[in-house]
Each structure stands twice: as C-alpha cells, then as structure tokens.
Amino acid sequence: MKHSNIFRSKLYLRVVLVSVTLLTIAYYLMPFPSLTVTKGQISENSQNMYLSVTETNKKIKTHQGTNSVIASKGFWTINSIGRLGNQMGEYATLYALAKLNGKQGYIPQAMANYLSPIFRINLPTLHESMWKRLHWKNYHLNDWMEDRYRHIPGDYVKLTGYPCSWTFYHHIREEILREFTFHDYLIDEANTFLRSISKGQDKVTYVAVHVRRGDYVHTMPNIWKGVVADKGYLEKAMSYFRKKYSNVVFVVTSEGMDWCKDNIDASKGDVHFSGDGQSGSPARDFSLLAHCNHTIMTIGTFGIWAAYLAGGETIYLSNYTLPDSPFLKLFKYEAAFLPEWIGIPADLSPVLLKKP
C-alpha cells in the first residue's frame, strides 16, 4: 500500500511537469492578435505624451538616420552669447539665414537650455559631442541684413556675432512668432496678473513698460558716449498712450525697480510695478510684457523682442548716443527698430556736458 501511494505520487508529479512544459511551449508558439490603439481611445494627456514621443523619435531618426545625409548637406549653427534678448536674436537669425541658404539649422545645447524652458522652439539641438567633432567655418554677421548673407558658402557654418535685427527675419515674421510661442504656464501667469490689475474694468489697454538700467547706466556714458532713458522720456511716452486710449494700465518691469518707483509717477493709479515692485525672473517679466497690447521700451534687446512679440504700437528711445559714438559702428537704429515704431529722441545733455 505504501509503495502504491509512492508510485501514484511520482506519476502525478510527472503529469504536472509534462503539462506545465506543454503549456509553456504553447504560449510561445500560439499566435496572438495584434493590439491596435487608436488616438480616439487615448486620453488627452496620453495623446500629448504619445505625440511627444513620436515627434522625438522622428527627430532622432532624422539626426541619426545616415551619416551620408549629414555629410552631403551639412548643417549650420550659431554662437550662444548673451542673455535672453541676444539668445532670441541669434536663434531667429539662424532660423532665417539657414532657411534662406537651404541648410538645416541646429542650435547649441547652451541656447536650448536658455530658450526651451520658455518657448516651444523647434530647431533641433546639436549634441556637444557632435559639435566638437565637426570642423566649423566661422562666419561673422553684422547686426543688420546684407545681400551677401543670401549666399553664404560652406556646409558646416557657425554664424558669429550679436545679430538681433528685424532685417534678418521680418519677412517670415509669422514663423518666428510661432517659434517663440510661450509655454502654457507662462501664458497663464501673465494673463492672471493682467486680470488682477484690471480692477474688473472692460476693454483695458495694457501698455508694457520695460526700463533697462543695470550695466547700461555706466557703459552708455563711459564707453559708448550715450545715455539711458530718463524720467522725461518715460513721461512723454506714457502721456502719448494716456491721450490716445481710455482705461490704460501701465505694467512696469525693470532690473532697476527702485529707480522706476522713484521716477515714474504712479499717483494716477494706472501704473503697476510687476512682482510687487521687485525685479522678477527674466522669463516671467518677458512673458508679461509680450502679453500687453502696446510697448514702451528704452534700450536693449530684451525690450525690442518684447515689443516684437506683443505687436501693437511701440515707443522707443532714439538717438541716444553722440554722432561720433563707437556704438554706431556696431548698431543701426533703422535696423533695430521697425519703421512703424515711434522714436522719441533722448536728452543727450548729460554726455554733451562731459565732452572736453
């Protein structure tokens, strides 16, 4: 009886082992129907993730596809120098000139790190390892468009300089504006702030006021024989908008907010200093300016780009250097400011008094 039970146990164990083996083989050999998920079956968030991954894969395939494609056509890049306004100018110039010359533009990693957290830029990024492997031909640009830039020779060209002129890219303005589309969080923050200062009024006209001070307070008079915007200029510019529009609200941003609060008359109740009167982050300040209807700028690429994205009317400080300023060898007023923008001449008396 005991031996019989042992025999049955061994037989049962063998049957189980054989069954498991057969099921395992069947699992791998049996054909399964393919699973297809359409976009309609995916939630909105999942769709966005799916599209993002798909687009990323496309870019990877384009970049890694074949070295022969890269070798035969080459690609262009540009130096990544300066702060936000300079970076935007360099990006837009690369975008426009590469397109004009039939090349693919790639931005350096440093530029991607600067711009991609703010904007939905589309130019691919050139990995640092690839950057070091290539033998670049440097091609210097002035800060205005020239005919020779329409036929720049070379497959691996690195554009250099500080280009930030509408003359490079204004003919494709809509494309440039799409490249500089803000991320949603910046749009929401800007609109929330503007609603909060409207005081429930309808048809408010928001006027951005960017006051550049910082290093320019010293470099303009001491190096460039020029001036920065003063109290009188801002009063004239604000008076223009107060006379032309009703329910005007001025939104002031600056890295010199203490000076602004001391020199801008806020007694009428229509002036608001962003960030509770403190200097905000460049991304948030820039988005806030660009979401206004019109612009008062002083000097610098930050204000130029804020006005370009905002549209509407723009008032800028003009003729802010002496005629013999070395600054004018690098800069042309007509190339920096759009023809329809309104210039108010600067008061040059502070630098005229300094002349020997």
Protein backbone atom coordinates (compact mmCIF):
# COMPACT_ATOMS: atom_id res chain seq x y z
CA MET A 1 0.00 0.00 0.00
CA LYS A 2 2.82 2.29 0.91
CA HIS A 3 4.68 1.57 -2.37
CA SER A 4 1.45 2.09 -4.32
CA ASN A 5 0.99 5.57 -2.86
CA ILE A 6 4.58 6.49 -3.68
CA PHE A 7 4.09 5.29 -7.25
CA ARG A 8 0.92 7.35 -7.66
CA SER A 9 2.64 10.46 -6.25
CA LYS A 10 5.54 10.13 -8.68
CA LEU A 11 3.14 9.59 -11.56
CA TYR A 12 1.13 12.70 -10.58
CA LEU A 13 4.30 14.78 -10.39
CA ARG A 14 5.36 13.64 -13.87
CA VAL A 15 1.94 14.54 -15.28
CA VAL A 16 2.14 18.03 -13.75
CA LEU A 17 5.63 18.64 -15.13
CA VAL A 18 4.63 17.48 -18.60
CA SER A 19 1.51 19.71 -18.52
CA VAL A 20 3.49 22.78 -17.49
CA THR A 21 6.03 22.11 -20.24
CA LEU A 22 3.33 21.76 -22.89
CA LEU A 23 1.56 24.94 -21.75
CA THR A 24 4.84 26.89 -21.87
CA ILE A 25 5.56 25.69 -25.41
CA ALA A 26 2.02 26.55 -26.48
CA TYR A 27 2.33 30.06 -25.01
CA TYR A 28 5.30 30.93 -27.20
CA LEU A 29 4.05 29.18 -30.33
CA MET A 30 0.41 30.29 -30.25
CA PRO A 31 -0.25 33.39 -32.41
CA PHE A 32 -1.88 36.32 -30.64
CA PRO A 33 -3.91 39.04 -32.34
CA SER A 34 -2.06 42.37 -32.61
CA LEU A 35 -3.26 45.11 -30.29
CA THR A 36 -4.00 48.41 -32.04
CA VAL A 37 -4.85 51.51 -30.02
CA THR A 38 -6.21 54.49 -31.91
CA LYS A 39 -5.83 58.08 -30.75
CA GLY A 40 -9.53 58.15 -30.08
CA GLN A 41 -9.03 55.54 -27.36
CA ILE A 42 -6.30 57.53 -25.62
CA SER A 43 -6.96 60.24 -23.06
CA GLU A 44 -5.96 63.81 -23.90
CA ASN A 45 -2.90 63.70 -21.65
CA SER A 46 -1.87 60.35 -23.07
CA GLN A 47 -2.32 61.68 -26.60
CA ASN A 48 0.05 64.53 -25.83
CA MET A 49 2.58 62.08 -24.44
CA TYR A 50 2.16 59.81 -27.47
CA LEU A 51 2.63 62.69 -29.91
CA SER A 52 5.63 63.99 -27.98
CA VAL A 53 7.36 60.62 -28.04
CA THR A 54 6.52 60.16 -31.72
CA GLU A 55 7.94 63.55 -32.67
CA THR A 56 11.04 62.87 -30.57
CA ASN A 57 11.58 59.57 -32.36
CA LYS A 58 11.21 61.31 -35.72
CA LYS A 59 13.86 63.82 -34.75
CA ILE A 60 16.18 61.08 -33.52
CA LYS A 61 15.76 59.17 -36.78
CA THR A 62 16.38 62.31 -38.79
CA HIS A 63 19.55 63.09 -36.87
CA GLN A 64 20.84 59.52 -36.67
CA GLY A 65 19.45 58.29 -40.00
CA THR A 66 22.58 58.16 -42.13
CA ASN A 67 25.85 59.99 -41.94
CA SER A 68 25.68 60.37 -45.72
CA VAL A 69 22.70 62.74 -45.39
CA ILE A 70 24.61 64.94 -42.94
CA ALA A 71 27.80 64.70 -44.98
CA SER A 72 26.12 65.65 -48.25
CA LYS A 73 24.04 68.57 -46.98
CA GLY A 74 25.79 69.69 -43.82
CA PHE A 75 24.19 71.95 -41.27
CA TRP A 76 24.59 75.35 -39.69
CA THR A 77 24.68 76.65 -36.15
CA ILE A 78 25.32 79.93 -34.33
CA ASN A 79 27.16 81.13 -31.25
CA SER A 80 25.20 81.24 -28.00
CA ILE A 81 26.14 84.56 -26.41
CA GLY A 82 24.38 86.96 -24.07
CA ARG A 83 21.12 86.92 -22.19
CA LEU A 84 17.53 86.32 -23.27
CA GLY A 85 17.19 89.05 -25.92
CA ASN A 86 20.53 88.16 -27.51
CA GLN A 87 19.70 84.45 -27.49
CA MET A 88 16.39 85.13 -29.24
CA GLY A 89 18.10 87.29 -31.84
CA GLU A 90 20.70 84.62 -32.53
CA TYR A 91 18.05 81.89 -32.77
CA ALA A 92 15.83 83.87 -35.16
CA THR A 93 18.80 84.84 -37.33
CA LEU A 94 20.00 81.23 -37.60
CA TYR A 95 16.45 80.11 -38.43
CA ALA A 96 16.09 82.71 -41.19
CA LEU A 97 19.56 82.51 -42.77
CA ALA A 98 19.70 78.71 -42.74
CA LYS A 99 16.32 78.62 -44.48
CA LEU A 100 17.41 81.29 -46.97
CA ASN A 101 20.54 79.29 -47.84
CA GLY A 102 18.82 75.89 -47.98
CA LYS A 103 20.53 74.48 -44.88
CA GLN A 104 19.33 72.86 -41.68
CA GLY A 105 19.92 74.95 -38.58
CA TYR A 106 20.97 73.34 -35.30
CA ILE A 107 21.20 75.25 -32.04
CA PRO A 108 23.92 74.67 -29.45
CA GLN A 109 22.98 73.00 -26.18
CA ALA A 110 23.55 76.22 -24.23
CA MET A 111 20.94 78.01 -26.34
CA ALA A 112 18.46 75.17 -25.95
CA ASN A 113 18.93 75.30 -22.18
CA TYR A 114 18.16 79.03 -22.25
CA LEU A 115 15.18 79.10 -24.61
CA SER A 116 13.39 75.75 -24.40
CA PRO A 117 12.06 76.27 -20.83
CA ILE A 118 10.35 79.45 -22.08
CA PHE A 119 9.34 78.81 -25.69
CA ARG A 120 8.17 75.94 -27.88
CA ILE A 121 11.18 76.20 -30.17
CA ASN A 122 11.54 73.66 -32.98
CA LEU A 123 15.11 73.82 -34.27
CA PRO A 124 16.97 70.64 -33.29
CA THR A 125 19.77 70.76 -30.75
CA LEU A 126 23.30 69.78 -31.71
CA HIS A 127 24.81 67.50 -29.10
CA GLU A 128 28.08 68.70 -27.64
CA SER A 129 29.94 65.59 -28.81
CA MET A 130 28.91 66.27 -32.43
CA TRP A 131 29.78 69.95 -32.00
CA LYS A 132 33.36 69.06 -31.10
CA ARG A 133 33.77 66.55 -33.93
CA LEU A 134 32.98 68.95 -36.75
CA HIS A 135 35.30 71.48 -38.34
CA TRP A 136 33.25 74.65 -38.36
CA LYS A 137 33.69 77.61 -40.66
CA ASN A 138 33.07 80.76 -38.64
CA TYR A 139 31.07 83.41 -40.48
CA HIS A 140 30.72 86.79 -38.76
CA LEU A 141 27.46 88.72 -39.04
CA ASN A 142 26.84 92.41 -38.61
CA ASP A 143 23.70 93.43 -36.75
CA TRP A 144 21.80 94.07 -39.97
CA MET A 145 20.98 92.06 -43.09
CA GLU A 146 23.30 92.29 -46.10
CA ASP A 147 22.91 90.84 -49.60
CA ARG A 148 25.98 88.64 -49.19
CA TYR A 149 24.22 86.71 -46.41
CA ARG A 150 21.88 85.25 -49.04
CA HIS A 151 24.72 83.13 -50.43
CA ILE A 152 26.94 82.07 -47.55
CA PRO A 153 29.34 79.30 -48.66
CA GLY A 154 30.02 76.18 -46.61
CA ASP A 155 28.27 73.09 -45.30
CA TYR A 156 29.33 73.37 -41.65
CA VAL A 157 28.97 77.06 -40.86
CA LYS A 158 28.91 78.64 -37.42
CA LEU A 159 27.41 82.12 -37.54
CA THR A 160 29.01 84.54 -35.08
CA GLY A 161 28.26 87.99 -33.73
CA TYR A 162 25.31 89.56 -31.90
CA PRO A 163 22.59 89.65 -34.59
CA CYS A 164 19.28 91.00 -33.36
CA SER A 165 17.73 92.87 -36.27
CA TRP A 166 14.31 92.52 -37.82
CA THR A 167 16.03 92.84 -41.21
CA PHE A 168 17.12 89.20 -40.95
CA TYR A 169 13.75 87.61 -40.23
CA HIS A 170 10.81 90.01 -40.55
CA HIS A 171 9.87 88.54 -43.94
CA ILE A 172 8.95 85.31 -42.08
CA ARG A 173 7.51 87.05 -39.02
CA GLU A 174 4.70 84.53 -38.51
CA GLU A 175 7.16 81.64 -38.43
CA ILE A 176 9.35 83.45 -35.91
CA LEU A 177 6.35 84.20 -33.71
CA ARG A 178 5.42 80.50 -33.77
CA GLU A 179 8.95 79.59 -32.72
CA PHE A 180 8.63 81.95 -29.76
CA THR A 181 5.29 80.61 -28.53
CA PHE A 182 5.32 80.62 -24.74
CA HIS A 183 4.73 77.52 -22.65
CA ASP A 184 1.29 77.40 -21.06
CA TYR A 185 2.45 78.12 -17.51
CA LEU A 186 3.92 81.48 -18.57
CA ILE A 187 0.80 82.39 -20.55
CA ASP A 188 -1.41 81.57 -17.57
CA GLU A 189 0.73 83.56 -15.13
CA ALA A 190 0.80 86.62 -17.38
CA ASN A 191 -2.94 86.60 -18.00
CA THR A 192 -3.68 86.06 -14.31
CA PHE A 193 -1.57 89.08 -13.37
CA LEU A 194 -3.15 91.29 -16.03
CA ARG A 195 -6.65 90.33 -14.91
CA SER A 196 -5.72 91.09 -11.31
CA ILE A 197 -4.74 94.69 -12.10
CA SER A 198 -7.68 95.43 -14.40
CA LYS A 199 -9.93 96.02 -11.36
CA GLY A 200 -12.85 94.47 -13.18
CA GLN A 201 -12.83 97.06 -15.97
CA ASP A 202 -13.75 96.09 -19.50
CA LYS A 203 -11.65 96.95 -22.55
CA VAL A 204 -8.47 97.71 -20.64
CA THR A 205 -5.47 98.73 -22.77
CA TYR A 206 -2.30 97.24 -21.30
CA VAL A 207 0.94 99.06 -22.04
CA ALA A 208 4.19 97.30 -21.22
CA VAL A 209 7.00 99.49 -19.89
CA HIS A 210 10.47 97.98 -19.90
CA VAL A 211 13.17 100.11 -18.30
CA ARG A 212 16.68 98.82 -18.95
CA ARG A 213 19.24 100.05 -16.48
CA GLY A 214 21.78 97.69 -14.90
CA ASP A 215 25.20 97.81 -16.59
CA TYR A 216 23.95 100.27 -19.22
CA VAL A 217 23.83 103.05 -16.61
CA HIS A 218 27.64 103.01 -16.61
CA THR A 219 28.60 101.66 -20.04
CA MET A 220 26.47 104.05 -22.09
CA PRO A 221 28.04 107.32 -20.84
CA ASN A 222 31.53 105.99 -20.15
CA ILE A 223 32.11 103.73 -23.17
CA TRP A 224 29.52 104.45 -25.84
CA LYS A 225 29.06 108.24 -25.41
CA GLY A 226 25.36 107.75 -24.81
CA VAL A 227 22.57 107.84 -22.25
CA VAL A 228 19.85 105.60 -20.89
CA ALA A 229 16.18 106.58 -20.68
CA ASP A 230 15.40 109.28 -18.14
CA LYS A 231 12.27 110.42 -16.34
CA GLY A 232 11.36 112.90 -19.08
CA TYR A 233 11.35 110.25 -21.80
CA LEU A 234 9.05 107.94 -19.83
CA GLU A 235 6.64 110.80 -19.08
CA LYS A 236 6.37 111.68 -22.79
CA ALA A 237 5.82 108.06 -23.81
CA MET A 238 3.18 107.41 -21.15
CA SER A 239 1.42 110.68 -21.99
CA TYR A 240 1.09 109.51 -25.60
CA PHE A 241 -0.84 106.40 -24.58
CA ARG A 242 -2.93 108.18 -21.94
CA LYS A 243 -4.15 110.64 -24.58
CA LYS A 244 -4.82 108.03 -27.25
CA TYR A 245 -6.53 105.25 -25.25
CA SER A 246 -9.02 105.05 -22.43
CA ASN A 247 -8.62 102.69 -19.45
CA VAL A 248 -4.86 102.47 -19.90
CA VAL A 249 -2.87 100.34 -17.47
CA PHE A 250 0.93 100.52 -17.47
CA VAL A 251 2.88 97.41 -16.46
CA VAL A 252 6.47 98.21 -15.46
CA THR A 253 9.32 95.70 -15.42
CA SER A 254 12.97 96.50 -14.80
CA GLU A 255 16.15 95.26 -13.16
CA GLY A 256 16.28 98.73 -11.58
CA MET A 257 12.86 98.79 -9.95
CA ASP A 258 13.87 101.18 -7.15
CA TRP A 259 14.78 103.82 -9.75
CA CYS A 260 11.45 103.21 -11.51
CA LYS A 261 9.42 103.71 -8.35
CA ASP A 262 11.28 106.95 -7.65
CA ASN A 263 10.94 108.36 -11.18
CA ILE A 264 7.64 107.08 -12.62
CA ASP A 265 4.55 108.93 -11.45
CA ALA A 266 2.09 106.32 -10.18
CA SER A 267 -0.25 108.82 -8.50
CA LYS A 268 -2.95 108.40 -11.18
CA GLY A 269 -3.47 104.77 -10.18
CA ASP A 270 -2.77 103.43 -13.66
CA VAL A 271 0.82 102.25 -13.06
CA HIS A 272 1.60 98.79 -11.71
CA PHE A 273 5.08 97.54 -10.91
CA SER A 274 5.32 93.83 -11.66
CA GLY A 275 6.39 91.38 -8.99
CA ASP A 276 5.16 93.60 -6.14
CA GLY A 277 7.73 96.17 -7.14
CA GLN A 278 10.62 93.69 -7.18
CA SER A 279 12.65 92.53 -10.16
CA GLY A 280 11.12 89.28 -11.40
CA SER A 281 12.61 86.39 -13.31
CA PRO A 282 13.51 87.25 -16.93
CA ALA A 283 11.10 84.63 -18.30
CA ARG A 284 8.11 85.86 -16.29
CA ASP A 285 8.86 89.54 -16.89
CA PHE A 286 9.31 88.93 -20.60
CA SER A 287 6.08 86.95 -20.91
CA LEU A 288 4.19 89.67 -19.05
CA LEU A 289 5.50 92.38 -21.39
CA ALA A 290 4.74 90.34 -24.50
CA HIS A 291 1.12 89.78 -23.41
CA CYS A 292 0.39 93.51 -23.25
CA ASN A 293 -1.25 95.43 -26.10
CA HIS A 294 1.45 98.06 -26.63
CA THR A 295 5.02 98.73 -25.53
CA ILE A 296 7.23 101.48 -24.16
CA MET A 297 10.82 100.30 -24.33
CA THR A 298 14.05 102.05 -23.51
CA ILE A 299 17.17 100.34 -24.90
CA GLY A 300 18.35 96.75 -25.24
CA THR A 301 17.34 93.55 -27.00
CA PHE A 302 15.03 92.43 -24.17
CA GLY A 303 12.69 95.34 -24.84
CA ILE A 304 13.00 95.01 -28.60
CA TRP A 305 11.87 91.38 -28.53
CA ALA A 306 9.07 92.05 -26.04
CA ALA A 307 7.71 94.71 -28.40
CA TYR A 308 8.13 92.46 -31.45
CA LEU A 309 6.11 89.68 -29.84
CA ALA A 310 3.46 91.98 -28.38
CA GLY A 311 2.67 93.76 -31.63
CA GLY A 312 0.61 96.92 -31.27
CA GLU A 313 2.27 100.32 -31.00
CA THR A 314 5.81 100.66 -29.75
CA ILE A 315 7.62 103.75 -28.50
CA TYR A 316 11.40 103.55 -28.21
CA LEU A 317 14.26 105.81 -27.17
CA SER A 318 16.02 107.12 -30.28
CA ASN A 319 19.31 108.94 -30.92
CA TYR A 320 20.68 108.03 -27.51
CA THR A 321 24.37 108.33 -28.50
CA LEU A 322 26.51 111.15 -29.81
CA PRO A 323 27.15 111.14 -33.59
CA ASP A 324 30.79 110.12 -33.06
CA SER A 325 29.94 107.21 -30.76
CA PRO A 326 31.81 103.93 -31.49
CA PHE A 327 28.47 102.25 -30.77
CA LEU A 328 27.22 103.33 -34.20
CA LYS A 329 29.84 101.17 -35.91
CA LEU A 330 28.05 98.13 -34.47
CA PHE A 331 24.46 99.36 -34.38
CA LYS A 332 22.00 100.98 -36.78
CA TYR A 333 18.79 102.50 -35.44
CA GLU A 334 16.92 101.72 -38.66
CA ALA A 335 17.92 98.04 -38.44
CA ALA A 336 17.00 97.68 -34.77
CA PHE A 337 13.58 99.35 -34.69
CA LEU A 338 10.72 98.67 -37.10
CA PRO A 339 9.80 101.61 -39.35
CA GLU A 340 6.32 101.91 -37.85
CA TRP A 341 7.63 102.18 -34.29
CA ILE A 342 7.70 105.66 -32.77
CA GLY A 343 11.03 107.10 -31.65
CA ILE A 344 11.41 109.82 -29.03
CA PRO A 345 14.89 111.41 -29.11
CA ALA A 346 16.95 111.10 -25.97
CA ASP A 347 18.19 114.06 -23.95
CA LEU A 348 21.93 113.96 -24.63
CA SER A 349 22.82 116.91 -22.40
CA PRO A 350 24.49 114.70 -19.73
CA VAL A 351 27.09 113.40 -22.22
CA LEU A 352 27.39 116.72 -24.05
CA LEU A 353 28.41 118.33 -20.78
CA LYS A 354 31.08 115.67 -20.30
CA LYS A 355 32.77 116.39 -23.65
CA PRO A 356 36.16 118.12 -23.25
